[in-house]
Protein backbone atom coordinates (compact mmCIF):
# COMPACT_ATOMS: atom_id res chain seq x y z
CA MET A 1 -52.31 -47.91 -65.43
CA LYS A 2 -52.92 -44.18 -65.28
CA ILE A 3 -55.81 -42.64 -67.23
CA ALA A 4 -56.79 -38.97 -67.52
CA PHE A 5 -60.02 -37.35 -68.70
CA VAL A 6 -59.63 -33.77 -69.92
CA GLY A 7 -61.73 -31.23 -71.82
CA LYS A 8 -63.16 -27.76 -71.63
CA GLY A 9 -65.51 -26.87 -68.81
CA GLY A 10 -68.97 -28.28 -69.44
CA SER A 11 -67.82 -30.83 -72.02
CA GLY A 12 -68.89 -33.74 -69.84
CA LYS A 13 -65.43 -34.99 -68.85
CA THR A 14 -66.52 -35.60 -65.26
CA THR A 15 -69.60 -37.49 -66.41
CA LEU A 16 -67.60 -39.71 -68.76
CA SER A 17 -64.78 -40.26 -66.28
CA SER A 18 -67.37 -41.32 -63.68
CA LEU A 19 -68.93 -43.74 -66.19
CA PHE A 20 -65.51 -45.25 -66.88
CA ILE A 21 -64.85 -45.53 -63.15
CA ARG A 22 -68.22 -47.22 -62.66
CA GLN A 23 -67.42 -49.69 -65.43
CA LEU A 24 -64.11 -50.59 -63.78
CA ALA A 25 -65.68 -50.85 -60.33
CA ALA A 26 -68.35 -53.21 -61.68
CA ALA A 27 -65.51 -55.40 -62.97
CA HIS A 28 -63.91 -55.34 -59.48
CA VAL A 29 -60.69 -53.82 -60.84
CA PRO A 30 -58.28 -52.36 -58.23
CA LEU A 31 -59.01 -48.68 -58.62
CA VAL A 32 -58.15 -45.19 -57.38
CA ALA A 33 -60.18 -42.22 -58.63
CA VAL A 34 -58.80 -38.69 -58.33
CA ASP A 35 -60.76 -35.46 -58.67
CA ALA A 36 -58.11 -32.96 -59.77
CA ASP A 37 -60.55 -30.29 -60.93
CA ILE A 38 -61.10 -27.04 -59.02
CA ASN A 39 -64.84 -27.61 -59.45
CA GLN A 40 -65.24 -30.80 -57.47
CA HIS A 41 -68.02 -32.74 -59.22
CA LEU A 42 -66.59 -36.27 -59.35
CA PRO A 43 -67.68 -37.29 -55.83
CA ALA A 44 -71.32 -36.49 -56.63
CA ALA A 45 -71.06 -38.27 -59.99
CA LEU A 46 -69.93 -41.37 -58.08
CA GLY A 47 -72.89 -41.22 -55.74
CA MET A 48 -71.69 -39.12 -52.79
CA ASP A 49 -74.29 -36.82 -51.29
CA GLU A 50 -73.46 -33.16 -50.74
CA ALA A 51 -72.50 -33.53 -47.09
CA GLU A 52 -70.20 -36.48 -47.81
CA ALA A 53 -68.56 -34.63 -50.69
CA GLU A 54 -67.91 -31.56 -48.56
CA ALA A 55 -66.33 -33.76 -45.87
CA LEU A 56 -63.92 -35.39 -48.35
CA PRO A 57 -60.33 -34.65 -47.26
CA SER A 58 -58.30 -32.29 -49.41
CA MET A 59 -54.96 -33.59 -50.72
CA GLY A 60 -53.76 -29.99 -50.90
CA ALA A 61 -54.40 -29.55 -47.18
CA GLN A 62 -52.39 -32.72 -46.44
CA LEU A 63 -49.39 -31.74 -48.56
CA PRO A 64 -46.91 -31.59 -45.61
CA LEU A 65 -47.88 -35.13 -44.56
CA ILE A 66 -47.69 -36.38 -48.17
CA LYS A 67 -44.21 -34.90 -48.64
CA GLU A 68 -42.87 -36.25 -45.35
CA TRP A 69 -44.14 -39.76 -46.08
CA LEU A 70 -42.87 -39.87 -49.66
CA ARG A 71 -39.46 -38.46 -48.71
CA GLY A 72 -38.74 -41.56 -46.67
CA SER A 73 -35.00 -41.89 -46.11
CA ASN A 74 -33.98 -40.39 -49.46
CA PRO A 75 -30.61 -38.73 -48.66
CA ARG A 76 -30.96 -36.30 -51.58
CA ILE A 77 -33.97 -34.59 -49.99
CA ALA A 78 -32.88 -32.63 -46.94
CA SER A 79 -36.39 -32.02 -45.64
CA ALA A 80 -40.02 -32.20 -46.67
CA GLU A 81 -40.01 -28.40 -46.92
CA THR A 82 -37.61 -28.61 -49.89
CA MET A 83 -39.91 -30.90 -51.85
CA ILE A 84 -41.97 -29.32 -54.64
CA LYS A 85 -44.75 -30.76 -56.77
CA THR A 86 -42.28 -32.18 -59.33
CA THR A 87 -39.78 -33.75 -56.91
CA PRO A 88 -38.98 -37.21 -58.33
CA PRO A 89 -38.45 -40.33 -56.26
CA GLY A 90 -35.00 -41.77 -55.71
CA GLU A 91 -33.26 -44.40 -53.63
CA GLY A 92 -34.82 -44.29 -50.18
CA SER A 93 -38.09 -42.64 -51.26
CA ARG A 94 -41.32 -44.26 -50.24
CA LEU A 95 -43.34 -45.44 -53.23
CA LEU A 96 -47.09 -45.97 -53.43
CA THR A 97 -49.22 -48.72 -54.90
CA ILE A 98 -52.92 -48.76 -55.66
CA THR A 99 -53.97 -51.50 -53.25
CA GLU A 100 -51.80 -50.88 -50.20
CA ASP A 101 -52.70 -49.09 -46.98
CA ASN A 102 -50.48 -46.17 -46.00
CA PRO A 103 -50.69 -42.80 -44.22
CA VAL A 104 -51.34 -40.94 -47.47
CA TYR A 105 -54.50 -42.94 -48.20
CA GLU A 106 -55.48 -42.85 -44.53
CA ALA A 107 -55.35 -39.04 -44.51
CA CYS A 108 -56.68 -38.30 -47.99
CA ALA A 109 -58.79 -41.16 -49.36
CA ARG A 110 -62.30 -42.39 -48.80
CA THR A 111 -63.51 -45.77 -50.06
CA LEU A 112 -66.82 -45.79 -51.91
CA SER A 113 -69.05 -48.69 -52.87
CA VAL A 114 -69.76 -48.19 -56.57
CA GLU A 115 -71.60 -50.67 -58.83
CA GLY A 116 -70.82 -53.50 -56.42
CA GLY A 117 -67.10 -52.72 -56.36
CA LYS A 118 -64.78 -50.53 -54.30
CA VAL A 119 -63.28 -47.21 -55.36
CA ARG A 120 -60.65 -45.29 -53.43
CA LEU A 121 -61.47 -41.62 -54.00
CA LEU A 122 -58.99 -38.77 -53.65
CA ALA A 123 -59.62 -35.07 -54.26
CA THR A 124 -57.11 -32.27 -54.64
CA GLY A 125 -59.51 -29.94 -52.86
CA PRO A 126 -61.32 -26.77 -53.93
CA PHE A 127 -60.17 -23.23 -53.40
CA THR A 128 -60.87 -22.00 -49.89
CA GLU A 129 -61.44 -18.42 -48.78
CA ALA A 130 -57.87 -18.38 -47.46
CA ASP A 131 -56.54 -19.19 -50.94
CA LEU A 132 -58.25 -16.34 -52.76
CA GLY A 133 -55.79 -13.74 -53.97
CA VAL A 134 -52.74 -15.53 -52.57
CA ALA A 135 -52.62 -18.97 -54.19
CA CYS A 136 -52.95 -20.40 -57.67
CA TYR A 137 -54.77 -23.67 -58.31
CA HIS A 138 -51.57 -25.41 -59.34
CA SER A 139 -50.42 -25.27 -55.71
CA LYS A 140 -53.39 -27.55 -55.00
CA THR A 141 -52.78 -30.01 -57.83
CA GLY A 142 -49.14 -30.34 -56.74
CA ALA A 143 -50.26 -33.02 -54.28
CA VAL A 144 -51.72 -35.05 -57.16
CA GLU A 145 -48.53 -34.69 -59.19
CA LEU A 146 -46.39 -35.91 -56.29
CA PHE A 147 -48.79 -38.83 -55.82
CA LEU A 148 -48.47 -39.83 -59.49
CA ASN A 149 -44.68 -39.39 -59.49
CA HIS A 150 -44.33 -41.87 -56.64
CA LEU A 151 -46.95 -44.39 -57.77
CA VAL A 152 -46.00 -47.84 -59.08
CA ASP A 153 -49.04 -49.29 -60.82
CA GLY A 154 -49.58 -52.33 -62.99
CA ARG A 155 -51.60 -53.56 -65.95
CA GLU A 156 -54.73 -54.79 -64.17
CA GLU A 157 -55.17 -51.80 -61.87
CA PHE A 158 -56.20 -48.24 -62.59
CA VAL A 159 -55.80 -44.65 -61.50
CA VAL A 160 -58.43 -42.49 -63.21
CA VAL A 161 -57.96 -38.72 -62.90
CA ASP A 162 -60.66 -36.17 -63.69
CA MET A 163 -58.35 -33.31 -64.66
CA THR A 164 -58.77 -29.56 -64.34
CA ALA A 165 -60.70 -27.99 -67.21
CA GLY A 166 -59.05 -26.68 -70.37
CA SER A 167 -55.30 -26.80 -70.90
CA ASP A 168 -54.33 -25.77 -67.36
CA SER A 169 -52.59 -29.10 -66.72
CA PHE A 170 -49.79 -27.97 -69.03
CA ALA A 171 -48.64 -25.54 -66.33
CA SER A 172 -46.77 -28.55 -64.88
CA GLY A 173 -45.58 -31.92 -66.09
CA MET A 174 -48.68 -33.74 -64.87
CA PHE A 175 -49.98 -34.19 -68.43
CA THR A 176 -47.08 -36.62 -69.09
CA ARG A 177 -48.04 -38.89 -66.18
CA PHE A 178 -50.68 -40.91 -68.03
CA ASP A 179 -50.72 -44.01 -70.20
CA MET A 180 -53.74 -42.60 -72.01
CA THR A 181 -55.47 -39.22 -72.05
CA PHE A 182 -59.09 -39.13 -73.18
CA LEU A 183 -60.10 -35.67 -74.36
CA VAL A 184 -63.85 -35.14 -74.17
CA ALA A 185 -65.04 -32.83 -76.95
CA GLU A 186 -68.44 -31.50 -77.90
CA PRO A 187 -69.20 -31.04 -81.62
CA THR A 188 -68.68 -27.25 -81.54
CA ARG A 189 -65.80 -24.91 -82.37
CA LYS A 190 -65.22 -24.25 -78.67
CA GLY A 191 -65.52 -27.96 -78.00
CA VAL A 192 -62.56 -28.83 -80.23
CA SER A 193 -60.40 -25.80 -79.32
CA VAL A 194 -58.99 -27.55 -76.24
CA TYR A 195 -58.21 -30.56 -78.43
CA ARG A 196 -56.01 -28.41 -80.67
CA GLN A 197 -54.14 -27.04 -77.67
CA TYR A 198 -53.64 -30.49 -76.17
CA LYS A 199 -52.54 -31.94 -79.49
CA GLU A 200 -49.91 -29.24 -79.91
CA TYR A 201 -48.54 -29.49 -76.36
CA ALA A 202 -48.63 -33.28 -76.22
CA ARG A 203 -46.87 -33.87 -79.53
CA ASP A 204 -43.36 -33.15 -78.21
CA PHE A 205 -43.77 -35.49 -75.24
CA GLY A 206 -45.33 -38.53 -76.85
CA VAL A 207 -48.52 -38.22 -74.80
CA PRO A 208 -51.13 -40.76 -76.05
CA LEU A 209 -54.30 -38.82 -76.81
CA ARG A 210 -57.71 -39.99 -78.04
CA VAL A 211 -60.82 -37.89 -78.49
CA VAL A 212 -64.16 -38.97 -77.04
CA GLY A 213 -67.08 -37.11 -78.59
CA ASN A 214 -69.88 -36.16 -76.24
CA LYS A 215 -73.38 -34.72 -76.76
CA VAL A 216 -73.30 -36.07 -80.31
CA HIS A 217 -76.91 -35.99 -81.46
CA ASN A 218 -76.77 -36.72 -85.18
CA SER A 219 -74.54 -37.60 -88.14
CA ASP A 220 -73.69 -33.95 -88.75
CA ASP A 221 -72.26 -33.70 -85.22
CA LEU A 222 -70.21 -36.84 -85.81
CA ASP A 223 -68.96 -35.61 -89.19
CA PHE A 224 -67.87 -32.33 -87.60
CA LEU A 225 -65.80 -34.13 -84.97
CA ARG A 226 -64.24 -36.38 -87.60
CA GLU A 227 -63.27 -33.37 -89.71
CA GLU A 228 -61.75 -31.55 -86.73
CA THR A 229 -59.99 -34.41 -84.92
CA GLY A 230 -59.31 -36.98 -87.66
CA ASP A 231 -57.96 -40.32 -86.56
CA ASP A 232 -57.75 -39.15 -82.95
CA LEU A 233 -61.53 -39.56 -82.62
CA LEU A 234 -62.05 -42.84 -80.78
CA VAL A 235 -65.77 -43.02 -80.07
CA SER A 236 -68.74 -40.80 -79.25
CA PHE A 237 -71.60 -40.62 -76.79
CA GLY A 238 -75.09 -39.43 -77.63
CA HIS A 239 -78.08 -38.49 -75.54
CA SER A 240 -78.49 -40.50 -72.35
CA ASP A 241 -81.53 -40.65 -70.10
CA TRP A 242 -79.31 -42.55 -67.67
CA VAL A 243 -76.90 -39.62 -67.43
CA ARG A 244 -79.75 -37.13 -67.13
CA ALA A 245 -81.18 -39.11 -64.19
CA MET A 246 -77.75 -39.18 -62.53
CA GLU A 247 -77.43 -35.41 -62.93
CA LYS A 248 -80.79 -35.03 -61.20
CA GLY A 249 -79.52 -37.05 -58.25
CA ARG A 250 -81.47 -40.15 -59.23
CA PRO A 251 -78.74 -42.62 -60.15
CA ARG A 252 -79.60 -45.95 -61.71
CA PRO A 253 -77.47 -49.11 -61.86
CA LEU A 254 -74.93 -49.07 -64.68
CA THR A 255 -76.67 -52.13 -66.11
CA GLU A 256 -79.45 -49.77 -67.23
CA LEU A 257 -77.14 -47.57 -69.32
CA GLU A 258 -78.21 -47.40 -72.97
CA GLU A 259 -76.62 -50.08 -75.16
CA PRO A 260 -74.85 -47.66 -77.58
CA ASN A 261 -73.21 -45.94 -74.62
CA VAL A 262 -72.27 -49.31 -73.08
CA ARG A 263 -70.49 -50.15 -76.34
CA ALA A 264 -68.74 -46.78 -76.30
CA LEU A 265 -67.49 -47.45 -72.76
CA SER A 266 -66.13 -50.81 -73.91
CA VAL A 267 -64.19 -49.08 -76.69
CA ILE A 268 -62.65 -46.70 -74.12
CA ARG A 269 -61.67 -49.65 -71.92
CA GLN A 270 -60.04 -51.43 -74.87
CA ALA A 271 -58.05 -48.30 -75.74
CA ALA A 272 -56.93 -47.94 -72.13
CA ASP A 273 -55.84 -51.57 -71.95
CA GLY A 274 -53.90 -51.25 -75.20
CA ALA A 275 -52.09 -48.12 -74.02
CA TYR A 276 -50.29 -50.01 -71.27
CA GLU A 277 -48.35 -51.94 -73.90
CA GLN A 278 -46.57 -48.69 -74.81
CA ARG A 279 -45.47 -47.76 -71.29
CA ASP A 280 -41.78 -46.88 -71.10
CA TRP A 281 -40.63 -46.47 -67.49
CA GLU A 282 -37.33 -44.93 -68.53
CA ARG A 283 -39.07 -42.22 -70.56
CA TYR A 284 -41.58 -41.75 -67.76
CA THR A 285 -38.77 -41.13 -65.27
CA ARG A 286 -36.83 -38.94 -67.72
CA GLN A 287 -39.84 -36.67 -68.28
CA MET A 288 -40.38 -36.47 -64.53
CA VAL A 289 -36.82 -35.24 -64.09
CA HIS A 290 -37.13 -32.85 -67.05
CA PHE A 291 -40.08 -30.99 -65.52
CA HIS A 292 -38.52 -31.02 -62.08
CA LEU A 293 -35.39 -29.29 -63.36
CA ARG A 294 -37.51 -26.74 -65.24
CA ASN A 295 -39.56 -25.96 -62.16
CA ALA A 296 -36.48 -25.85 -59.95
CA GLU A 297 -34.81 -23.27 -62.17
CA SER A 298 -37.89 -21.12 -62.78
CA TRP A 299 -39.15 -20.85 -59.19
CA GLY A 300 -38.37 -23.83 -56.95
CA ASN A 301 -34.79 -22.98 -56.00
CA ALA A 302 -35.74 -19.42 -55.07
CA LYS A 303 -38.76 -20.53 -53.06
CA THR A 304 -37.01 -23.26 -51.07
CA GLY A 305 -33.54 -21.76 -50.86
CA ALA A 306 -32.09 -25.08 -52.01
CA ASP A 307 -30.54 -26.48 -55.19
CA LEU A 308 -33.40 -28.77 -56.18
CA ALA A 309 -31.44 -30.26 -59.06
CA ALA A 310 -29.54 -32.16 -56.36
CA GLN A 311 -32.74 -34.08 -55.57
CA VAL A 312 -32.42 -36.00 -58.84
CA ASP A 313 -31.04 -39.51 -58.38
CA PRO A 314 -29.32 -40.17 -61.74
CA GLY A 315 -29.30 -43.94 -61.30
CA PHE A 316 -32.96 -44.29 -60.35
CA VAL A 317 -35.59 -45.49 -62.83
CA LEU A 318 -39.10 -46.01 -61.50
CA GLY A 319 -40.59 -49.32 -62.56
CA GLU A 320 -42.62 -52.37 -61.66
CA HIS A 321 -39.52 -53.92 -60.10
CA HIS A 322 -40.26 -51.55 -57.19
CA ARG A 323 -43.65 -53.15 -56.53
CA GLY A 324 -43.72 -54.56 -53.03
CA HIS A 325 -40.49 -52.74 -52.16
CA ARG A 326 -41.04 -50.82 -48.97
CA VAL A 327 -38.62 -48.38 -47.42
CA ALA A 328 -37.98 -48.75 -43.72
CA PRO A 329 -39.38 -45.88 -41.65
CA GLN A 330 -36.94 -43.21 -40.58
CA PRO A 331 -35.72 -43.38 -37.00
CA ALA A 332 -37.65 -41.20 -34.59
């Protein structure tokens, strides 16, 4: 299943997403973690040192390879150059799974040992000097959106995405790619402002959204979050010496996490597990196509010089029946 952590900058979304990832890794769950934030903090939160984090491949830099691999033998896609971030799969496209080996993972992923388990880590990549003034960040996250559009995942496996801060993910259809979105909110007016934006945007698309309070120090903080987010508030995290040690570069085993925060993590896991019951592959595919057509009309057709609406395969519905289905490589 696909899980997103969102929130304003500084809310603690990376910290909480890394805790959730650690919990899953400790349970030896098949797992891919994706850092889709311009400020790349997830690798360090998962134990990478600075040199290792800087050496992590950028998905944005591998976009031509990603497009060429995913295109497969799809006759509706004339070339990889005509693929954009929203291009949906169709008959002949190559699809991805969480546990397989393929050129996309080989080029972009690194496998970490976390809490006794294994985590495949992907990162969209930070801005480089060459990007400044000529590229927007959404050109980087396009690689993540293509990855999610072509991914066939199941109940007992996870993709956890640490999203870009604020409501920037609404600049594309990526916010509809998740079975559950956890919005991390501090008990402040600014802390809940992103929640209001997300709630408004998500309503029309049936995006499951639960609020996770963070930096909640007393009952007044908790009451504030309840007043502002109502039934969407799932659980809250308070002060954590464990987290403070991690932020100082002195990580401890997850078994030493404070008991109240362990219970909060369990509540998040239960909510994630329950969200899979609501997955609707037909709606998932329909929303994918919806955003592709919007992007094609607004900028994609002009940029590629092609009618990108023709990339839509009207008879194709992504689903678990595609698991294990591999497309033969194109002839050389």
